[in-house]
Amino acid sequence: MTEQLMVKQERAARTRDTLIRSAAEIFDREGFAVASLSAITAHAGVSSGALHHHFVSKAALTEAVEEAALARLMAVTGAVLPLGASRVQLLVDVTHRLARALRGDVVLRAGFELSGETSRPPHADLREWWRRWVEETLKQADAEGELCSDVTAADVVSAVVAATVGFEVLGVREAEWLSASTVTRFWKLLLPTLVPAALLADLDYEGVCPL
């Protein structure tokens, strides 16, 4: 591969990434339904031709935003659990990571917002992906004896997903909903009803693995 071709490919990749981020910023600021390709190209500082070179339509660009957002969500949830570590603590840690990432990453935030967009079916449903990750983590916690005997994993999934997605929705307009203190207060209220007293003392409500 010639140096000239490599430079050209790197420039194209940068332009594509810029368009994805610009689309996410416009979706986040104006809403998906009213966001226009002309607004996105102007925000990105590229021509309409450059946009259509990478994305044939608004739908294609939107799908790219969702795919980029999903990759970020997978990075947030992808921590390797040390041998013998608590699944419940992992869940606490990851909810803190997710809230922090949503505060600072407009692509991730836009991806979650697109999951709730009613005018089109999601290409990559981040909220559903998050629900499945929470469900799998809690099933493993239950199997390893980390939940109280009268608590079902399904009940906890409902509470955690409802709260965290609620924080995400409310946090679009009021950042305090995605603050570490909000997530910590949630866990202080919830964990004593879920986890046996013998295990509760070892858990850190504030999360032990910040992003």
N, C-alpha and C. Protein backbone atom coordinates (compact mmCIF):
# COMPACT_ATOMS: atom_id res chain seq x y z
N MET A 1 0.84 -1.19 0.00
CA MET A 1 0.00 0.00 0.00
C MET A 1 0.88 1.25 0.00
N THR A 2 0.62 2.14 -0.91
CA THR A 2 1.44 3.33 -1.00
C THR A 2 1.09 4.30 0.12
N GLU A 3 2.07 5.18 0.42
CA GLU A 3 1.85 6.17 1.48
C GLU A 3 0.68 7.09 1.12
N GLN A 4 0.56 7.45 -0.13
CA GLN A 4 -0.52 8.33 -0.56
C GLN A 4 -1.89 7.68 -0.32
N LEU A 5 -1.99 6.39 -0.62
CA LEU A 5 -3.25 5.68 -0.40
C LEU A 5 -3.57 5.60 1.08
N MET A 6 -2.55 5.35 1.91
CA MET A 6 -2.77 5.28 3.35
C MET A 6 -3.28 6.62 3.90
N VAL A 7 -2.68 7.69 3.43
CA VAL A 7 -3.11 9.03 3.86
C VAL A 7 -4.57 9.27 3.46
N LYS A 8 -4.91 8.86 2.24
CA LYS A 8 -6.27 9.03 1.76
C LYS A 8 -7.27 8.24 2.60
N GLN A 9 -6.91 7.01 2.95
CA GLN A 9 -7.79 6.17 3.75
C GLN A 9 -7.94 6.72 5.17
N GLU A 10 -6.85 7.24 5.73
CA GLU A 10 -6.91 7.83 7.07
C GLU A 10 -7.80 9.06 7.07
N ARG A 11 -7.70 9.86 6.01
CA ARG A 11 -8.53 11.06 5.90
C ARG A 11 -10.01 10.67 5.79
N ALA A 12 -10.28 9.64 5.00
CA ALA A 12 -11.66 9.18 4.84
C ALA A 12 -12.22 8.66 6.17
N ALA A 13 -11.38 7.95 6.93
CA ALA A 13 -11.82 7.43 8.22
C ALA A 13 -12.11 8.57 9.19
N ARG A 14 -11.27 9.60 9.17
CA ARG A 14 -11.49 10.76 10.04
C ARG A 14 -12.79 11.47 9.67
N THR A 15 -13.03 11.61 8.36
CA THR A 15 -14.26 12.26 7.92
C THR A 15 -15.48 11.47 8.36
N ARG A 16 -15.41 10.16 8.21
CA ARG A 16 -16.52 9.30 8.63
C ARG A 16 -16.78 9.45 10.12
N ASP A 17 -15.72 9.40 10.92
CA ASP A 17 -15.88 9.54 12.37
C ASP A 17 -16.44 10.92 12.74
N THR A 18 -15.99 11.95 12.02
CA THR A 18 -16.49 13.30 12.28
C THR A 18 -17.98 13.39 11.98
N LEU A 19 -18.42 12.77 10.90
CA LEU A 19 -19.84 12.78 10.55
C LEU A 19 -20.67 12.04 11.59
N ILE A 20 -20.16 10.93 12.07
CA ILE A 20 -20.89 10.17 13.09
C ILE A 20 -21.03 11.00 14.36
N ARG A 21 -19.95 11.61 14.79
CA ARG A 21 -20.02 12.43 16.00
C ARG A 21 -20.92 13.65 15.79
N SER A 22 -20.82 14.29 14.64
CA SER A 22 -21.66 15.45 14.36
C SER A 22 -23.13 15.07 14.34
N ALA A 23 -23.44 13.94 13.73
CA ALA A 23 -24.83 13.47 13.73
C ALA A 23 -25.31 13.22 15.15
N ALA A 24 -24.46 12.59 15.97
CA ALA A 24 -24.84 12.33 17.36
C ALA A 24 -25.10 13.63 18.11
N GLU A 25 -24.27 14.63 17.87
CA GLU A 25 -24.44 15.91 18.54
C GLU A 25 -25.73 16.61 18.11
N ILE A 26 -26.04 16.54 16.82
CA ILE A 26 -27.28 17.15 16.34
C ILE A 26 -28.50 16.38 16.86
N PHE A 27 -28.44 15.05 16.84
CA PHE A 27 -29.55 14.24 17.38
C PHE A 27 -29.76 14.57 18.86
N ASP A 28 -28.65 14.68 19.58
CA ASP A 28 -28.72 14.92 21.02
C ASP A 28 -29.28 16.31 21.31
N ARG A 29 -28.93 17.28 20.48
CA ARG A 29 -29.32 18.67 20.72
C ARG A 29 -30.71 19.00 20.18
N GLU A 30 -31.02 18.48 18.98
CA GLU A 30 -32.26 18.88 18.31
C GLU A 30 -33.32 17.79 18.27
N GLY A 31 -32.89 16.55 18.50
CA GLY A 31 -33.81 15.43 18.35
C GLY A 31 -33.68 14.80 16.98
N PHE A 32 -33.86 13.49 16.90
CA PHE A 32 -33.67 12.78 15.64
C PHE A 32 -34.62 13.25 14.56
N ALA A 33 -35.89 13.42 14.90
CA ALA A 33 -36.91 13.68 13.88
C ALA A 33 -36.64 14.96 13.10
N VAL A 34 -36.15 15.99 13.77
CA VAL A 34 -35.97 17.28 13.09
C VAL A 34 -34.54 17.47 12.58
N ALA A 35 -33.63 16.59 12.95
CA ALA A 35 -32.24 16.73 12.51
C ALA A 35 -32.15 16.53 11.00
N SER A 36 -31.47 17.43 10.33
CA SER A 36 -31.33 17.34 8.88
C SER A 36 -29.89 17.04 8.49
N LEU A 37 -29.74 16.46 7.31
CA LEU A 37 -28.39 16.18 6.83
C LEU A 37 -27.61 17.47 6.59
N SER A 38 -28.30 18.52 6.17
CA SER A 38 -27.60 19.79 5.95
C SER A 38 -27.06 20.35 7.26
N ALA A 39 -27.81 20.20 8.35
CA ALA A 39 -27.33 20.65 9.66
C ALA A 39 -26.13 19.82 10.10
N ILE A 40 -26.18 18.53 9.83
CA ILE A 40 -25.09 17.64 10.23
C ILE A 40 -23.82 17.96 9.44
N THR A 41 -23.94 18.16 8.13
CA THR A 41 -22.75 18.46 7.33
C THR A 41 -22.16 19.81 7.71
N ALA A 42 -23.04 20.79 7.98
CA ALA A 42 -22.55 22.11 8.39
C ALA A 42 -21.81 22.00 9.72
N HIS A 43 -22.36 21.24 10.64
CA HIS A 43 -21.73 21.07 11.96
C HIS A 43 -20.40 20.34 11.83
N ALA A 44 -20.34 19.37 10.90
CA ALA A 44 -19.11 18.60 10.69
C ALA A 44 -18.07 19.38 9.90
N GLY A 45 -18.52 20.41 9.18
CA GLY A 45 -17.60 21.17 8.34
C GLY A 45 -17.19 20.43 7.09
N VAL A 46 -18.11 19.62 6.54
CA VAL A 46 -17.82 18.87 5.31
C VAL A 46 -18.92 19.16 4.29
N SER A 47 -18.67 18.79 3.06
CA SER A 47 -19.65 19.02 2.01
C SER A 47 -20.71 17.92 1.99
N SER A 48 -21.81 18.22 1.31
CA SER A 48 -22.85 17.22 1.13
C SER A 48 -22.31 16.00 0.37
N GLY A 49 -21.44 16.28 -0.60
CA GLY A 49 -20.85 15.18 -1.36
C GLY A 49 -20.02 14.25 -0.50
N ALA A 50 -19.28 14.84 0.45
CA ALA A 50 -18.47 14.02 1.36
C ALA A 50 -19.36 13.14 2.22
N LEU A 51 -20.48 13.71 2.68
CA LEU A 51 -21.40 12.91 3.49
C LEU A 51 -21.94 11.73 2.68
N HIS A 52 -22.40 12.00 1.46
CA HIS A 52 -23.00 10.93 0.66
C HIS A 52 -21.97 9.93 0.15
N HIS A 53 -20.72 10.30 0.17
CA HIS A 53 -19.67 9.33 -0.15
C HIS A 53 -19.62 8.23 0.91
N HIS A 54 -19.91 8.60 2.16
CA HIS A 54 -19.84 7.64 3.26
C HIS A 54 -21.21 7.05 3.61
N PHE A 55 -22.26 7.86 3.49
CA PHE A 55 -23.59 7.43 3.92
C PHE A 55 -24.61 7.85 2.86
N VAL A 56 -25.34 6.88 2.35
CA VAL A 56 -26.25 7.17 1.24
C VAL A 56 -27.52 7.87 1.70
N SER A 57 -27.78 7.85 3.01
CA SER A 57 -29.03 8.44 3.50
C SER A 57 -28.88 8.76 4.99
N LYS A 58 -29.86 9.47 5.50
CA LYS A 58 -29.92 9.74 6.94
C LYS A 58 -30.04 8.43 7.71
N ALA A 59 -30.79 7.49 7.17
CA ALA A 59 -30.95 6.20 7.83
C ALA A 59 -29.61 5.49 7.98
N ALA A 60 -28.79 5.51 6.94
CA ALA A 60 -27.49 4.85 6.99
C ALA A 60 -26.58 5.52 8.01
N LEU A 61 -26.61 6.84 8.06
CA LEU A 61 -25.81 7.57 9.04
C LEU A 61 -26.29 7.28 10.45
N THR A 62 -27.59 7.22 10.62
CA THR A 62 -28.16 6.92 11.94
C THR A 62 -27.74 5.53 12.41
N GLU A 63 -27.75 4.56 11.51
CA GLU A 63 -27.32 3.22 11.87
C GLU A 63 -25.84 3.21 12.28
N ALA A 64 -25.03 4.02 11.62
CA ALA A 64 -23.62 4.11 11.99
C ALA A 64 -23.45 4.70 13.39
N VAL A 65 -24.29 5.69 13.72
CA VAL A 65 -24.26 6.25 15.07
C VAL A 65 -24.61 5.17 16.09
N GLU A 66 -25.63 4.39 15.81
CA GLU A 66 -26.05 3.34 16.73
C GLU A 66 -24.96 2.28 16.89
N GLU A 67 -24.32 1.90 15.80
CA GLU A 67 -23.25 0.90 15.88
C GLU A 67 -22.07 1.42 16.70
N ALA A 68 -21.72 2.69 16.50
CA ALA A 68 -20.63 3.28 17.27
C ALA A 68 -20.99 3.36 18.74
N ALA A 69 -22.25 3.69 19.02
CA ALA A 69 -22.71 3.77 20.40
C ALA A 69 -22.70 2.39 21.06
N LEU A 70 -23.11 1.37 20.33
CA LEU A 70 -23.11 0.02 20.88
C LEU A 70 -21.68 -0.43 21.21
N ALA A 71 -20.74 -0.09 20.36
CA ALA A 71 -19.34 -0.43 20.64
C ALA A 71 -18.88 0.21 21.95
N ARG A 72 -19.32 1.44 22.19
CA ARG A 72 -18.97 2.12 23.44
C ARG A 72 -19.63 1.46 24.63
N LEU A 73 -20.91 1.07 24.48
CA LEU A 73 -21.60 0.38 25.57
C LEU A 73 -20.94 -0.95 25.89
N MET A 74 -20.52 -1.67 24.86
CA MET A 74 -19.84 -2.94 25.08
C MET A 74 -18.52 -2.74 25.81
N ALA A 75 -17.85 -1.63 25.54
CA ALA A 75 -16.60 -1.33 26.26
C ALA A 75 -16.89 -1.03 27.72
N VAL A 76 -18.00 -0.34 28.00
CA VAL A 76 -18.36 -0.03 29.38
C VAL A 76 -18.66 -1.31 30.17
N THR A 77 -19.35 -2.25 29.55
CA THR A 77 -19.76 -3.47 30.25
C THR A 77 -18.74 -4.60 30.13
N GLY A 78 -17.64 -4.36 29.44
CA GLY A 78 -16.74 -5.45 29.10
C GLY A 78 -15.63 -5.74 30.10
N ALA A 79 -15.75 -5.25 31.33
CA ALA A 79 -14.70 -5.50 32.32
C ALA A 79 -14.58 -6.99 32.62
N VAL A 80 -13.36 -7.46 32.77
CA VAL A 80 -13.12 -8.85 33.14
C VAL A 80 -13.28 -8.98 34.65
N LEU A 81 -14.13 -9.91 35.07
CA LEU A 81 -14.38 -10.09 36.51
C LEU A 81 -13.25 -10.93 37.12
N PRO A 82 -12.55 -10.40 38.12
CA PRO A 82 -11.49 -11.18 38.77
C PRO A 82 -12.07 -12.43 39.42
N LEU A 83 -11.28 -13.47 39.52
CA LEU A 83 -11.72 -14.73 40.10
C LEU A 83 -12.21 -14.50 41.53
N GLY A 84 -13.43 -14.94 41.79
CA GLY A 84 -14.00 -14.81 43.12
C GLY A 84 -14.64 -13.47 43.41
N ALA A 85 -14.62 -12.55 42.46
CA ALA A 85 -15.21 -11.22 42.68
C ALA A 85 -16.73 -11.30 42.63
N SER A 86 -17.37 -10.32 43.23
CA SER A 86 -18.82 -10.29 43.34
C SER A 86 -19.47 -9.81 42.05
N ARG A 87 -20.48 -10.56 41.61
CA ARG A 87 -21.26 -10.13 40.44
C ARG A 87 -22.08 -8.89 40.77
N VAL A 88 -22.59 -8.81 41.98
CA VAL A 88 -23.36 -7.63 42.36
C VAL A 88 -22.47 -6.39 42.36
N GLN A 89 -21.23 -6.53 42.87
CA GLN A 89 -20.32 -5.39 42.84
C GLN A 89 -20.02 -4.98 41.40
N LEU A 90 -19.88 -5.97 40.53
CA LEU A 90 -19.66 -5.66 39.11
C LEU A 90 -20.82 -4.84 38.57
N LEU A 91 -22.05 -5.22 38.91
CA LEU A 91 -23.22 -4.48 38.45
C LEU A 91 -23.20 -3.04 38.96
N VAL A 92 -22.88 -2.88 40.23
CA VAL A 92 -22.78 -1.53 40.80
C VAL A 92 -21.72 -0.72 40.04
N ASP A 93 -20.55 -1.33 39.86
CA ASP A 93 -19.46 -0.63 39.18
C ASP A 93 -19.86 -0.19 37.77
N VAL A 94 -20.50 -1.10 37.05
CA VAL A 94 -20.82 -0.81 35.65
C VAL A 94 -21.91 0.25 35.54
N THR A 95 -22.86 0.26 36.47
CA THR A 95 -23.86 1.34 36.42
C THR A 95 -23.19 2.70 36.63
N HIS A 96 -22.19 2.75 37.49
CA HIS A 96 -21.45 4.00 37.67
C HIS A 96 -20.69 4.35 36.39
N ARG A 97 -20.07 3.37 35.77
CA ARG A 97 -19.34 3.62 34.52
C ARG A 97 -20.27 4.12 33.43
N LEU A 98 -21.44 3.49 33.36
CA LEU A 98 -22.39 3.87 32.32
C LEU A 98 -22.86 5.31 32.53
N ALA A 99 -23.19 5.66 33.76
CA ALA A 99 -23.63 7.03 34.02
C ALA A 99 -22.54 8.03 33.66
N ARG A 100 -21.31 7.70 34.02
CA ARG A 100 -20.20 8.60 33.70
C ARG A 100 -20.01 8.71 32.19
N ALA A 101 -20.09 7.58 31.50
CA ALA A 101 -19.92 7.59 30.04
C ALA A 101 -21.04 8.38 29.36
N LEU A 102 -22.26 8.23 29.85
CA LEU A 102 -23.37 8.97 29.27
C LEU A 102 -23.21 10.47 29.47
N ARG A 103 -22.61 10.88 30.57
CA ARG A 103 -22.39 12.30 30.80
C ARG A 103 -21.40 12.87 29.79
N GLY A 104 -20.39 12.08 29.43
CA GLY A 104 -19.30 12.62 28.64
C GLY A 104 -19.22 12.21 27.19
N ASP A 105 -20.01 11.23 26.78
CA ASP A 105 -19.89 10.68 25.43
C ASP A 105 -21.19 10.89 24.67
N VAL A 106 -21.21 11.87 23.78
CA VAL A 106 -22.43 12.21 23.07
C VAL A 106 -22.86 11.10 22.12
N VAL A 107 -21.93 10.32 21.60
CA VAL A 107 -22.30 9.22 20.70
C VAL A 107 -23.05 8.15 21.47
N LEU A 108 -22.55 7.79 22.64
CA LEU A 108 -23.25 6.81 23.48
C LEU A 108 -24.62 7.34 23.88
N ARG A 109 -24.68 8.60 24.25
CA ARG A 109 -25.95 9.20 24.67
C ARG A 109 -26.95 9.19 23.51
N ALA A 110 -26.50 9.55 22.33
CA ALA A 110 -27.39 9.54 21.17
C ALA A 110 -27.86 8.13 20.84
N GLY A 111 -26.98 7.15 21.00
CA GLY A 111 -27.38 5.77 20.74
C GLY A 111 -28.51 5.33 21.65
N PHE A 112 -28.42 5.68 22.93
CA PHE A 112 -29.51 5.34 23.86
C PHE A 112 -30.79 6.08 23.48
N GLU A 113 -30.65 7.36 23.13
CA GLU A 113 -31.83 8.13 22.75
C GLU A 113 -32.51 7.54 21.52
N LEU A 114 -31.71 7.08 20.55
CA LEU A 114 -32.28 6.48 19.34
C LEU A 114 -33.02 5.18 19.64
N SER A 115 -32.62 4.50 20.72
CA SER A 115 -33.33 3.28 21.10
C SER A 115 -34.77 3.57 21.51
N GLY A 116 -35.02 4.80 21.95
CA GLY A 116 -36.37 5.18 22.34
C GLY A 116 -37.12 5.96 21.29
N GLU A 117 -36.52 6.11 20.12
CA GLU A 117 -37.15 6.88 19.04
C GLU A 117 -38.33 6.09 18.46
N THR A 118 -39.51 6.71 18.46
CA THR A 118 -40.73 5.99 18.03
C THR A 118 -40.98 6.06 16.53
N SER A 119 -40.26 6.93 15.82
CA SER A 119 -40.52 7.09 14.39
C SER A 119 -39.83 6.03 13.54
N ARG A 120 -38.97 5.22 14.16
CA ARG A 120 -38.25 4.19 13.41
C ARG A 120 -37.83 3.09 14.37
N PRO A 121 -37.75 1.85 13.89
CA PRO A 121 -37.24 0.77 14.74
C PRO A 121 -35.73 0.92 14.91
N PRO A 122 -35.20 0.64 16.09
CA PRO A 122 -33.75 0.79 16.27
C PRO A 122 -32.97 -0.25 15.48
N HIS A 123 -31.85 0.18 14.95
CA HIS A 123 -30.95 -0.74 14.26
C HIS A 123 -30.13 -1.52 15.29
N ALA A 124 -29.67 -0.84 16.31
CA ALA A 124 -28.97 -1.46 17.43
C ALA A 124 -29.62 -0.91 18.69
N ASP A 125 -30.44 -1.72 19.34
CA ASP A 125 -31.24 -1.26 20.48
C ASP A 125 -30.38 -1.32 21.74
N LEU A 126 -29.80 -0.18 22.12
CA LEU A 126 -28.90 -0.15 23.27
C LEU A 126 -29.62 -0.43 24.57
N ARG A 127 -30.83 0.05 24.69
CA ARG A 127 -31.56 -0.20 25.94
C ARG A 127 -31.85 -1.68 26.12
N GLU A 128 -32.20 -2.36 25.04
CA GLU A 128 -32.43 -3.80 25.12
C GLU A 128 -31.12 -4.54 25.37
N TRP A 129 -30.04 -4.10 24.74
CA TRP A 129 -28.74 -4.74 24.96
C TRP A 129 -28.34 -4.59 26.43
N TRP A 130 -28.56 -3.41 26.98
CA TRP A 130 -28.26 -3.16 28.40
C TRP A 130 -29.13 -4.06 29.29
N ARG A 131 -30.41 -4.18 28.96
CA ARG A 131 -31.29 -5.04 29.76
C ARG A 131 -30.78 -6.48 29.78
N ARG A 132 -30.35 -6.99 28.64
CA ARG A 132 -29.86 -8.37 28.58
C ARG A 132 -28.58 -8.52 29.40
N TRP A 133 -27.70 -7.50 29.35
CA TRP A 133 -26.46 -7.60 30.14
C TRP A 133 -26.78 -7.61 31.63
N VAL A 134 -27.67 -6.75 32.08
CA VAL A 134 -28.07 -6.72 33.49
C VAL A 134 -28.69 -8.06 33.88
N GLU A 135 -29.55 -8.58 33.03
CA GLU A 135 -30.21 -9.85 33.31
C GLU A 135 -29.19 -10.98 33.46
N GLU A 136 -28.25 -11.07 32.55
CA GLU A 136 -27.25 -12.13 32.62
C GLU A 136 -26.39 -12.00 33.87
N THR A 137 -26.00 -10.78 34.20
CA THR A 137 -25.17 -10.55 35.39
C THR A 137 -25.91 -10.95 36.65
N LEU A 138 -27.19 -10.61 36.75
CA LEU A 138 -27.97 -10.94 37.94
C LEU A 138 -28.30 -12.42 38.03
N LYS A 139 -28.50 -13.07 36.90
CA LYS A 139 -28.69 -14.53 36.93
C LYS A 139 -27.44 -15.22 37.48
N GLN A 140 -26.28 -14.74 37.08
CA GLN A 140 -25.04 -15.32 37.59
C GLN A 140 -24.88 -15.02 39.07
N ALA A 141 -25.25 -13.80 39.48
CA ALA A 141 -25.18 -13.45 40.91
C ALA A 141 -26.10 -14.35 41.73
N ASP A 142 -27.29 -14.60 41.22
CA ASP A 142 -28.25 -15.47 41.91
C ASP A 142 -27.70 -16.89 42.01
N ALA A 143 -27.14 -17.39 40.91
CA ALA A 143 -26.60 -18.75 40.91
C ALA A 143 -25.44 -18.90 41.88
N GLU A 144 -24.73 -17.81 42.14
CA GLU A 144 -23.58 -17.85 43.05
C GLU A 144 -23.95 -17.46 44.48
N GLY A 145 -25.26 -17.35 44.76
CA GLY A 145 -25.73 -17.11 46.12
C GLY A 145 -25.56 -15.68 46.61
N GLU A 146 -25.53 -14.73 45.69
CA GLU A 146 -25.33 -13.34 46.09
C GLU A 146 -26.62 -12.59 46.33
N LEU A 147 -27.77 -13.19 46.02
CA LEU A 147 -29.04 -12.54 46.25
C LEU A 147 -29.77 -13.21 47.40
N CYS A 148 -30.61 -12.44 48.11
CA CYS A 148 -31.42 -13.01 49.18
C CYS A 148 -32.33 -14.11 48.63
N SER A 149 -32.66 -15.08 49.47
CA SER A 149 -33.43 -16.24 49.02
C SER A 149 -34.83 -15.88 48.53
N ASP A 150 -35.38 -14.78 49.04
CA ASP A 150 -36.73 -14.39 48.64
C ASP A 150 -36.74 -13.38 47.50
N VAL A 151 -35.58 -13.15 46.88
CA VAL A 151 -35.46 -12.20 45.77
C VAL A 151 -35.19 -12.97 44.48
N THR A 152 -35.91 -12.64 43.42
CA THR A 152 -35.65 -13.27 42.13
C THR A 152 -34.84 -12.33 41.25
N ALA A 153 -34.01 -12.91 40.41
CA ALA A 153 -33.20 -12.10 39.49
C ALA A 153 -34.09 -11.26 38.60
N ALA A 154 -35.24 -11.80 38.18
CA ALA A 154 -36.14 -11.07 37.29
C ALA A 154 -36.64 -9.78 37.93
N ASP A 155 -36.96 -9.86 39.23
CA ASP A 155 -37.44 -8.67 39.94
C ASP A 155 -36.35 -7.59 39.98
N VAL A 156 -35.12 -8.01 40.21
CA VAL A 156 -34.01 -7.06 40.31
C VAL A 156 -33.72 -6.44 38.95
N VAL A 157 -33.80 -7.25 37.90
CA VAL A 157 -33.59 -6.73 36.54
C VAL A 157 -34.55 -5.58 36.27
N SER A 158 -35.81 -5.79 36.59
CA SER A 158 -36.81 -4.75 36.35
C SER A 158 -36.46 -3.46 37.07
N ALA A 159 -36.05 -3.57 38.33
CA ALA A 159 -35.73 -2.38 39.12
C ALA A 159 -34.50 -1.67 38.59
N VAL A 160 -33.45 -2.44 38.28
CA VAL A 160 -32.19 -1.83 37.84
C VAL A 160 -32.34 -1.20 36.47
N VAL A 161 -32.98 -1.90 35.54
CA VAL A 161 -33.13 -1.36 34.19
C VAL A 161 -34.05 -0.14 34.19
N ALA A 162 -35.14 -0.23 34.93
CA ALA A 162 -36.05 0.92 34.98
C ALA A 162 -35.35 2.14 35.54
N ALA A 163 -34.56 1.96 36.60
CA ALA A 163 -33.88 3.10 37.21
C ALA A 163 -32.79 3.65 36.31
N THR A 164 -31.94 2.79 35.77
CA THR A 164 -30.81 3.28 34.99
C THR A 164 -31.24 3.90 33.67
N VAL A 165 -32.22 3.31 33.01
CA VAL A 165 -32.73 3.92 31.78
C VAL A 165 -33.45 5.22 32.12
N GLY A 166 -34.13 5.24 33.27
CA GLY A 166 -34.75 6.49 33.70
C GLY A 166 -33.72 7.58 33.93
N PHE A 167 -32.60 7.24 34.56
CA PHE A 167 -31.52 8.21 34.76
C PHE A 167 -31.01 8.72 33.41
N GLU A 168 -30.88 7.79 32.46
CA GLU A 168 -30.39 8.16 31.12
C GLU A 168 -31.34 9.15 30.44
N VAL A 169 -32.64 8.88 30.51
CA VAL A 169 -33.63 9.75 29.86
C VAL A 169 -33.65 11.12 30.54
N LEU A 170 -33.71 11.13 31.85
CA LEU A 170 -33.77 12.40 32.58
C LEU A 170 -32.46 13.17 32.48
N GLY A 171 -31.36 12.43 32.35
CA GLY A 171 -30.05 13.07 32.29
C GLY A 171 -29.80 13.84 31.01
N VAL A 172 -30.62 13.63 29.99
CA VAL A 172 -30.47 14.38 28.74
C VAL A 172 -30.62 15.87 29.00
N ARG A 173 -31.52 16.23 29.90
CA ARG A 173 -31.79 17.63 30.18
C ARG A 173 -31.23 18.10 31.53
N GLU A 174 -30.98 17.18 32.44
CA GLU A 174 -30.51 17.56 33.77
C GLU A 174 -29.41 16.58 34.20
N ALA A 175 -28.17 17.03 34.12
CA ALA A 175 -27.01 16.15 34.30
C ALA A 175 -26.96 15.50 35.67
N GLU A 176 -27.60 16.10 36.67
CA GLU A 176 -27.56 15.55 38.02
C GLU A 176 -28.10 14.12 38.08
N TRP A 177 -29.01 13.78 37.17
CA TRP A 177 -29.55 12.42 37.17
C TRP A 177 -28.48 11.38 36.82
N LEU A 178 -27.42 11.80 36.16
CA LEU A 178 -26.33 10.87 35.80
C LEU A 178 -25.10 11.06 36.68
N SER A 179 -25.27 11.75 37.79
CA SER A 179 -24.13 11.99 38.68
C SER A 179 -23.82 10.74 39.49
N ALA A 180 -22.59 10.67 39.97
CA ALA A 180 -22.19 9.54 40.82
C ALA A 180 -23.03 9.49 42.09
N SER A 181 -23.39 10.65 42.62
CA SER A 181 -24.17 10.68 43.86
C SER A 181 -25.57 10.10 43.65
N THR A 182 -26.17 10.36 42.49
CA THR A 182 -27.49 9.79 42.20
C THR A 182 -27.43 8.28 42.12
N VAL A 183 -26.44 7.76 41.41
CA VAL A 183 -26.30 6.30 41.29
C VAL A 183 -25.99 5.68 42.65
N THR A 184 -25.15 6.33 43.44
CA THR A 184 -24.81 5.82 44.77
C THR A 184 -26.05 5.76 45.66
N ARG A 185 -26.86 6.80 45.65
CA ARG A 185 -28.09 6.80 46.47
C ARG A 185 -29.04 5.68 46.05
N PHE A 186 -29.11 5.44 44.75
CA PHE A 186 -29.95 4.34 44.26
C PHE A 186 -29.51 3.01 44.86
N TRP A 187 -28.21 2.75 44.83
CA TRP A 187 -27.72 1.48 45.34
C TRP A 187 -27.83 1.38 46.86
N LYS A 188 -27.69 2.50 47.55
CA LYS A 188 -27.86 2.49 49.01
C LYS A 188 -29.28 2.10 49.40
N LEU A 189 -30.23 2.50 48.58
CA LEU A 189 -31.61 2.13 48.83
C LEU A 189 -31.91 0.69 48.44
N LEU A 190 -31.35 0.25 47.32
CA LEU A 190 -31.73 -1.05 46.76
C LEU A 190 -30.95 -2.23 47.34
N LEU A 191 -29.65 -2.09 47.49
CA LEU A 191 -28.83 -3.25 47.85
C LEU A 191 -29.25 -3.93 49.16
N PRO A 192 -29.61 -3.20 50.21
CA PRO A 192 -30.00 -3.91 51.45
C PRO A 192 -31.20 -4.81 51.29
N THR A 193 -32.03 -4.61 50.28
CA THR A 193 -33.18 -5.48 50.04
C THR A 193 -32.85 -6.67 49.16
N LEU A 194 -31.66 -6.67 48.56
CA LEU A 194 -31.29 -7.70 47.60
C LEU A 194 -30.26 -8.68 48.09
N VAL A 195 -29.33 -8.19 48.89
CA VAL A 195 -28.12 -8.95 49.20
C VAL A 195 -28.14 -9.39 50.66
N PRO A 196 -27.76 -10.64 50.94
CA PRO A 196 -27.68 -11.10 52.33
C PRO A 196 -26.76 -10.21 53.16
N ALA A 197 -27.12 -10.03 54.43
CA ALA A 197 -26.36 -9.13 55.30
C ALA A 197 -24.89 -9.51 55.36
N ALA A 198 -24.57 -10.80 55.30
CA ALA A 198 -23.18 -11.24 55.39
C ALA A 198 -22.34 -10.76 54.22
N LEU A 199 -22.98 -10.51 53.09
CA LEU A 199 -22.26 -10.05 51.90
C LEU A 199 -22.32 -8.53 51.72
N LEU A 200 -23.33 -7.92 52.33
CA LEU A 200 -23.57 -6.50 52.09
C LEU A 200 -22.41 -5.62 52.53
N ALA A 201 -21.78 -5.98 53.64
CA ALA A 201 -20.71 -5.14 54.19
C ALA A 201 -19.52 -5.03 53.25
N ASP A 202 -19.36 -5.99 52.37
CA ASP A 202 -18.21 -6.00 51.47
C ASP A 202 -18.46 -5.22 50.17
N LEU A 203 -19.67 -4.73 49.99
CA LEU A 203 -20.00 -4.04 48.75
C LEU A 203 -19.76 -2.53 48.88
N ASP A 204 -19.32 -1.93 47.79
CA ASP A 204 -19.05 -0.50 47.75
C ASP A 204 -20.11 0.15 46.87
N TYR A 205 -20.98 0.95 47.49
CA TYR A 205 -22.07 1.59 46.76
C TYR A 205 -21.56 2.58 45.71
N GLU A 206 -20.40 3.11 45.91
CA GLU A 206 -19.86 4.14 45.00
C GLU A 206 -19.12 3.54 43.82
N GLY A 207 -18.98 2.23 43.80
CA GLY A 207 -18.26 1.59 42.69
C GLY A 207 -16.77 1.58 42.94
N VAL A 208 -16.14 0.48 42.61
CA VAL A 208 -14.71 0.35 42.88
C VAL A 208 -13.86 0.35 41.60
N CYS A 209 -14.51 0.43 40.46
CA CYS A 209 -13.76 0.40 39.19
C CYS A 209 -14.22 1.55 38.31
N PRO A 210 -13.85 2.78 38.63
CA PRO A 210 -14.28 3.90 37.80
C PRO A 210 -13.73 3.81 36.40
N LEU A 211 -14.48 4.39 35.44
CA LEU A 211 -14.06 4.38 34.03
C LEU A 211 -12.83 5.24 33.82
